[in-house]
């Protein structure tokens, strides 16, 4: 039996890739499956921790892993995993010697504009283009905000709050 205290969060599932069950896994920690005979990920489904064996995986970027999980063979099945956290045993998590934060670190933070109006919660990061975007969800609407240090006014890590200056033109979409 898998117990939550025996595993660690390594990221969350994002959008499916294609129609054969592949899905993007946005990593919040560096992991290595190389020395693992039968690598698997764990996902909490309806309160139950369910293991999914990895059929294949490939890194798309430093923080995005494209995975094909055993018995997830369609776009519909992959969509059921979207936005669920992914867990694994802590021994595959690599130690990070530096304290550098990636944009993925801000997943789960609430985003506020400079007037302290809530824009939504960061649910992921899109690194598919040269311009990294924060995926912000508010009332089932998804917004893409440029991930740029010059837009950040302040960060409250304890409260998971990010206060930003919205670029001109985008503010009309939120307000």
C-alpha atoms as a PDB file:
ATOM      1  CA  UNK A   1       0.000   0.000   0.000  1.00  0.00           C
ATOM      2  CA  UNK A   2       1.289   3.421  -0.958  1.00  0.00           C
ATOM      3  CA  UNK A   3       1.226   5.978   1.846  1.00  0.00           C
ATOM      4  CA  UNK A   4       1.376   9.717   1.209  1.00  0.00           C
ATOM      5  CA  UNK A   5       4.136  10.176   3.799  1.00  0.00           C
ATOM      6  CA  UNK A   6       6.366   7.792   1.772  1.00  0.00           C
ATOM      7  CA  UNK A   7       6.201   9.777  -1.488  1.00  0.00           C
ATOM      8  CA  UNK A   8       7.011  13.288  -2.631  1.00  0.00           C
ATOM      9  CA  UNK A   9       5.378  15.656  -5.112  1.00  0.00           C
ATOM     10  CA  UNK A  10       7.484  16.088  -8.236  1.00  0.00           C
ATOM     11  CA  UNK A  11       5.080  18.169 -10.344  1.00  0.00           C
ATOM     12  CA  UNK A  12       1.694  18.071 -12.007  1.00  0.00           C
ATOM     13  CA  UNK A  13       0.173  16.767 -15.212  1.00  0.00           C
ATOM     14  CA  UNK A  14      -0.602  19.375 -17.861  1.00  0.00           C
ATOM     15  CA  UNK A  15      -2.078  19.065 -21.350  1.00  0.00           C
ATOM     16  CA  UNK A  16      -2.133  15.782 -23.279  1.00  0.00           C
ATOM     17  CA  UNK A  17       0.173  15.491 -26.275  1.00  0.00           C
ATOM     18  CA  UNK A  18      -1.415  13.854 -29.302  1.00  0.00           C
ATOM     19  CA  UNK A  19      -4.164  11.248 -29.235  1.00  0.00           C
ATOM     20  CA  UNK A  20      -2.350   8.146 -27.970  1.00  0.00           C
ATOM     21  CA  UNK A  21      -2.263   8.945 -24.258  1.00  0.00           C
ATOM     22  CA  UNK A  22       0.944  10.935 -23.928  1.00  0.00           C
ATOM     23  CA  UNK A  23       0.782  13.788 -21.443  1.00  0.00           C
ATOM     24  CA  UNK A  24       3.049  16.626 -20.359  1.00  0.00           C
ATOM     25  CA  UNK A  25       4.366  16.449 -16.815  1.00  0.00           C
ATOM     26  CA  UNK A  26       5.491  19.800 -15.444  1.00  0.00           C
ATOM     27  CA  UNK A  27       8.260  19.111 -12.955  1.00  0.00           C
ATOM     28  CA  UNK A  28       8.722  21.084  -9.760  1.00  0.00           C
ATOM     29  CA  UNK A  29      11.757  18.988  -8.783  1.00  0.00           C
ATOM     30  CA  UNK A  30      14.661  17.464 -10.679  1.00  0.00           C
ATOM     31  CA  UNK A  31      14.207  13.713 -11.001  1.00  0.00           C
ATOM     32  CA  UNK A  32      16.120  10.828 -12.548  1.00  0.00           C
ATOM     33  CA  UNK A  33      14.471   7.627 -13.729  1.00  0.00           C
ATOM     34  CA  UNK A  34      17.733   6.298 -15.216  1.00  0.00           C
ATOM     35  CA  UNK A  35      18.710   3.890 -12.423  1.00  0.00           C
ATOM     36  CA  UNK A  36      15.184   2.668 -11.815  1.00  0.00           C
ATOM     37  CA  UNK A  37      14.225  -0.738 -13.264  1.00  0.00           C
ATOM     38  CA  UNK A  38      10.484  -0.073 -13.445  1.00  0.00           C
ATOM     39  CA  UNK A  39       9.876   3.667 -13.135  1.00  0.00           C
ATOM     40  CA  UNK A  40       6.420   4.753 -12.087  1.00  0.00           C
ATOM     41  CA  UNK A  41       4.526   7.849 -11.067  1.00  0.00           C
ATOM     42  CA  UNK A  42       1.756   8.073  -8.517  1.00  0.00           C
ATOM     43  CA  UNK A  43      -1.385  10.135  -8.920  1.00  0.00           C
ATOM     44  CA  UNK A  44      -4.155  10.680  -6.399  1.00  0.00           C
ATOM     45  CA  UNK A  45      -7.429   9.677  -8.035  1.00  0.00           C
ATOM     46  CA  UNK A  46     -10.610  10.122  -5.993  1.00  0.00           C
ATOM     47  CA  UNK A  47      -8.611   9.968  -2.761  1.00  0.00           C
ATOM     48  CA  UNK A  48      -6.662   6.843  -3.715  1.00  0.00           C
ATOM     49  CA  UNK A  49      -2.948   6.853  -4.564  1.00  0.00           C
ATOM     50  CA  UNK A  50      -2.651   5.031  -7.895  1.00  0.00           C
ATOM     51  CA  UNK A  51       0.696   3.996  -9.448  1.00  0.00           C
ATOM     52  CA  UNK A  52       1.199   4.378 -13.207  1.00  0.00           C
ATOM     53  CA  UNK A  53       4.205   2.679 -14.779  1.00  0.00           C
ATOM     54  CA  UNK A  54       6.135   4.707 -17.338  1.00  0.00           C
ATOM     55  CA  UNK A  55       6.159   3.125 -20.791  1.00  0.00           C
ATOM     56  CA  UNK A  56       8.316   5.929 -22.147  1.00  0.00           C
ATOM     57  CA  UNK A  57       9.394   9.456 -21.331  1.00  0.00           C
ATOM     58  CA  UNK A  58      11.371  12.256 -22.896  1.00  0.00           C
ATOM     59  CA  UNK A  59      12.460  15.659 -21.673  1.00  0.00           C
ATOM     60  CA  UNK A  60      10.981  18.559 -23.646  1.00  0.00           C
ATOM     61  CA  UNK A  61      12.761  21.126 -21.461  1.00  0.00           C
ATOM     62  CA  UNK A  62      14.410  21.302 -18.049  1.00  0.00           C
ATOM     63  CA  UNK A  63      11.011  21.350 -16.384  1.00  0.00           C
ATOM     64  CA  UNK A  64       8.720  19.529 -18.830  1.00  0.00           C
ATOM     65  CA  UNK A  65       8.649  15.791 -19.334  1.00  0.00           C
ATOM     66  CA  UNK A  66       6.520  14.090 -21.992  1.00  0.00           C
ATOM     67  CA  UNK A  67       5.334  10.772 -20.539  1.00  0.00           C
ATOM     68  CA  UNK A  68       3.418   7.753 -21.786  1.00  0.00           C
ATOM     69  CA  UNK A  69       1.869   5.861 -18.887  1.00  0.00           C
ATOM     70  CA  UNK A  70       0.809   2.234 -18.948  1.00  0.00           C
ATOM     71  CA  UNK A  71      -2.946   1.808 -19.625  1.00  0.00           C
ATOM     72  CA  UNK A  72      -3.361   5.493 -20.584  1.00  0.00           C
ATOM     73  CA  UNK A  73      -3.923   4.994 -24.314  1.00  0.00           C
ATOM     74  CA  UNK A  74      -6.139   7.862 -25.432  1.00  0.00           C
ATOM     75  CA  UNK A  75      -6.476  11.614 -25.286  1.00  0.00           C
ATOM     76  CA  UNK A  76      -9.555  11.198 -23.072  1.00  0.00           C
ATOM     77  CA  UNK A  77      -7.699   9.013 -20.559  1.00  0.00           C
ATOM     78  CA  UNK A  78      -4.787  11.474 -20.472  1.00  0.00           C
ATOM     79  CA  UNK A  79      -7.175  14.400 -19.903  1.00  0.00           C
ATOM     80  CA  UNK A  80      -8.406  12.723 -16.702  1.00  0.00           C
ATOM     81  CA  UNK A  81      -4.907  13.211 -15.281  1.00  0.00           C
ATOM     82  CA  UNK A  82      -4.706  16.910 -16.169  1.00  0.00           C
ATOM     83  CA  UNK A  83      -3.983  19.197 -13.217  1.00  0.00           C
ATOM     84  CA  UNK A  84      -3.435  16.219 -10.887  1.00  0.00           C
ATOM     85  CA  UNK A  85      -0.210  16.216  -8.925  1.00  0.00           C
ATOM     86  CA  UNK A  86       2.406  13.590  -9.687  1.00  0.00           C
ATOM     87  CA  UNK A  87       4.278  11.830  -6.906  1.00  0.00           C
ATOM     88  CA  UNK A  88       7.134   9.344  -6.681  1.00  0.00           C
ATOM     89  CA  UNK A  89       9.476   7.882  -4.066  1.00  0.00           C
ATOM     90  CA  UNK A  90      11.857  10.560  -2.755  1.00  0.00           C
ATOM     91  CA  UNK A  91      14.989   8.603  -3.715  1.00  0.00           C
ATOM     92  CA  UNK A  92      14.675   9.577  -7.409  1.00  0.00           C
ATOM     93  CA  UNK A  93      14.592  13.303  -6.617  1.00  0.00           C
ATOM     94  CA  UNK A  94      17.965  14.890  -7.356  1.00  0.00           C
ATOM     95  CA  UNK A  95      19.557  17.265  -4.893  1.00  0.00           C
ATOM     96  CA  UNK A  96      19.698  20.831  -6.131  1.00  0.00           C
ATOM     97  CA  UNK A  97      22.864  22.582  -5.007  1.00  0.00           C
ATOM     98  CA  UNK A  98      21.757  26.085  -5.912  1.00  0.00           C
ATOM     99  CA  UNK A  99      18.794  28.083  -4.712  1.00  0.00           C
ATOM    100  CA  UNK A 100      17.735  29.211  -8.185  1.00  0.00           C
ATOM    101  CA  UNK A 101      13.972  29.352  -8.618  1.00  0.00           C
ATOM    102  CA  UNK A 102      12.363  28.302 -11.862  1.00  0.00           C
ATOM    103  CA  UNK A 103       9.030  29.591 -13.117  1.00  0.00           C
ATOM    104  CA  UNK A 104       7.572  26.180 -12.172  1.00  0.00           C
ATOM    105  CA  UNK A 105       8.212  27.050  -8.533  1.00  0.00           C
ATOM    106  CA  UNK A 106       5.335  29.553  -8.742  1.00  0.00           C
ATOM    107  CA  UNK A 107       2.734  26.920  -9.677  1.00  0.00           C
ATOM    108  CA  UNK A 108       0.027  27.160  -7.027  1.00  0.00           C
ATOM    109  CA  UNK A 109       0.704  30.840  -6.259  1.00  0.00           C
ATOM    110  CA  UNK A 110      -2.129  33.360  -6.454  1.00  0.00           C
ATOM    111  CA  UNK A 111      -1.458  36.252  -8.833  1.00  0.00           C
ATOM    112  CA  UNK A 112      -2.495  39.801  -7.986  1.00  0.00           C
ATOM    113  CA  UNK A 113      -2.149  42.975  -9.994  1.00  0.00           C
ATOM    114  CA  UNK A 114      -0.582  46.149  -8.610  1.00  0.00           C
ATOM    115  CA  UNK A 115      -3.969  47.222  -7.152  1.00  0.00           C
ATOM    116  CA  UNK A 116      -4.053  43.864  -5.290  1.00  0.00           C
ATOM    117  CA  UNK A 117      -6.980  42.563  -7.353  1.00  0.00           C
ATOM    118  CA  UNK A 118      -6.859  38.772  -7.606  1.00  0.00           C
ATOM    119  CA  UNK A 119      -6.192  37.646 -11.181  1.00  0.00           C
ATOM    120  CA  UNK A 120      -6.202  33.925 -10.448  1.00  0.00           C
ATOM    121  CA  UNK A 121      -3.999  31.009  -9.497  1.00  0.00           C
ATOM    122  CA  UNK A 122      -0.980  29.805 -11.468  1.00  0.00           C
ATOM    123  CA  UNK A 123      -1.767  26.273 -12.639  1.00  0.00           C
ATOM    124  CA  UNK A 124       1.242  25.761 -14.872  1.00  0.00           C
ATOM    125  CA  UNK A 125       3.931  27.178 -17.092  1.00  0.00           C
ATOM    126  CA  UNK A 126       3.981  27.083 -20.888  1.00  0.00           C
ATOM    127  CA  UNK A 127       7.531  26.799 -22.202  1.00  0.00           C
ATOM    128  CA  UNK A 128       6.562  25.694 -25.707  1.00  0.00           C
ATOM    129  CA  UNK A 129       7.718  28.986 -27.228  1.00  0.00           C
ATOM    130  CA  UNK A 130      10.686  31.261 -26.660  1.00  0.00           C
ATOM    131  CA  UNK A 131       8.481  33.455 -24.424  1.00  0.00           C
ATOM    132  CA  UNK A 132       7.646  31.592 -21.229  1.00  0.00           C
ATOM    133  CA  UNK A 133       4.038  32.097 -20.109  1.00  0.00           C
ATOM    134  CA  UNK A 134       2.355  31.609 -16.746  1.00  0.00           C
ATOM    135  CA  UNK A 135      -0.961  29.749 -17.033  1.00  0.00           C
ATOM    136  CA  UNK A 136      -3.383  31.496 -14.679  1.00  0.00           C
ATOM    137  CA  UNK A 137      -6.815  30.042 -13.944  1.00  0.00           C
ATOM    138  CA  UNK A 138      -9.673  32.193 -12.629  1.00  0.00           C
ATOM    139  CA  UNK A 139     -13.251  30.921 -12.501  1.00  0.00           C
ATOM    140  CA  UNK A 140     -12.515  28.210 -15.074  1.00  0.00           C
ATOM    141  CA  UNK A 141     -11.012  30.775 -17.451  1.00  0.00           C
ATOM    142  CA  UNK A 142      -7.404  30.293 -18.454  1.00  0.00           C
ATOM    143  CA  UNK A 143      -5.150  33.306 -18.995  1.00  0.00           C
ATOM    144  CA  UNK A 144      -1.590  33.395 -20.286  1.00  0.00           C
ATOM    145  CA  UNK A 145       0.638  36.016 -18.686  1.00  0.00           C
ATOM    146  CA  UNK A 146       4.233  36.589 -19.765  1.00  0.00           C
ATOM    147  CA  UNK A 147       6.720  35.204 -17.238  1.00  0.00           C
ATOM    148  CA  UNK A 148       9.125  38.106 -16.976  1.00  0.00           C
ATOM    149  CA  UNK A 149      11.077  39.250 -13.932  1.00  0.00           C
ATOM    150  CA  UNK A 150      10.529  42.912 -14.816  1.00  0.00           C
ATOM    151  CA  UNK A 151       6.749  42.449 -14.367  1.00  0.00           C
ATOM    152  CA  UNK A 152       7.055  41.133 -10.796  1.00  0.00           C
ATOM    153  CA  UNK A 153       6.486  43.812  -8.197  1.00  0.00           C
ATOM    154  CA  UNK A 154       6.766  41.541  -5.145  1.00  0.00           C
ATOM    155  CA  UNK A 155       6.655  37.914  -4.059  1.00  0.00           C
ATOM    156  CA  UNK A 156       5.326  36.530  -0.784  1.00  0.00           C
ATOM    157  CA  UNK A 157       6.592  32.961  -0.666  1.00  0.00           C
ATOM    158  CA  UNK A 158       4.994  32.238   2.732  1.00  0.00           C
ATOM    159  CA  UNK A 159       1.532  33.224   1.461  1.00  0.00           C
ATOM    160  CA  UNK A 160       2.149  31.968  -2.104  1.00  0.00           C
ATOM    161  CA  UNK A 161       1.342  35.395  -3.563  1.00  0.00           C
ATOM    162  CA  UNK A 162       2.811  36.964  -6.678  1.00  0.00           C
ATOM    163  CA  UNK A 163       2.080  40.635  -7.311  1.00  0.00           C
ATOM    164  CA  UNK A 164       2.693  41.718 -10.892  1.00  0.00           C
ATOM    165  CA  UNK A 165       2.350  44.698 -13.185  1.00  0.00           C
ATOM    166  CA  UNK A 166       0.124  43.532 -16.022  1.00  0.00           C
ATOM    167  CA  UNK A 167       1.455  44.478 -19.449  1.00  0.00           C
ATOM    168  CA  UNK A 168      -0.455  47.176 -21.274  1.00  0.00           C
ATOM    169  CA  UNK A 169      -3.325  45.685 -23.258  1.00  0.00           C
ATOM    170  CA  UNK A 170      -3.647  42.556 -21.125  1.00  0.00           C
ATOM    171  CA  UNK A 171      -5.199  44.403 -18.188  1.00  0.00           C
ATOM    172  CA  UNK A 172      -8.428  44.886 -20.179  1.00  0.00           C
ATOM    173  CA  UNK A 173      -8.854  41.110 -20.372  1.00  0.00           C
ATOM    174  CA  UNK A 174      -8.759  40.622 -16.602  1.00  0.00           C
ATOM    175  CA  UNK A 175     -10.771  43.595 -15.413  1.00  0.00           C
END
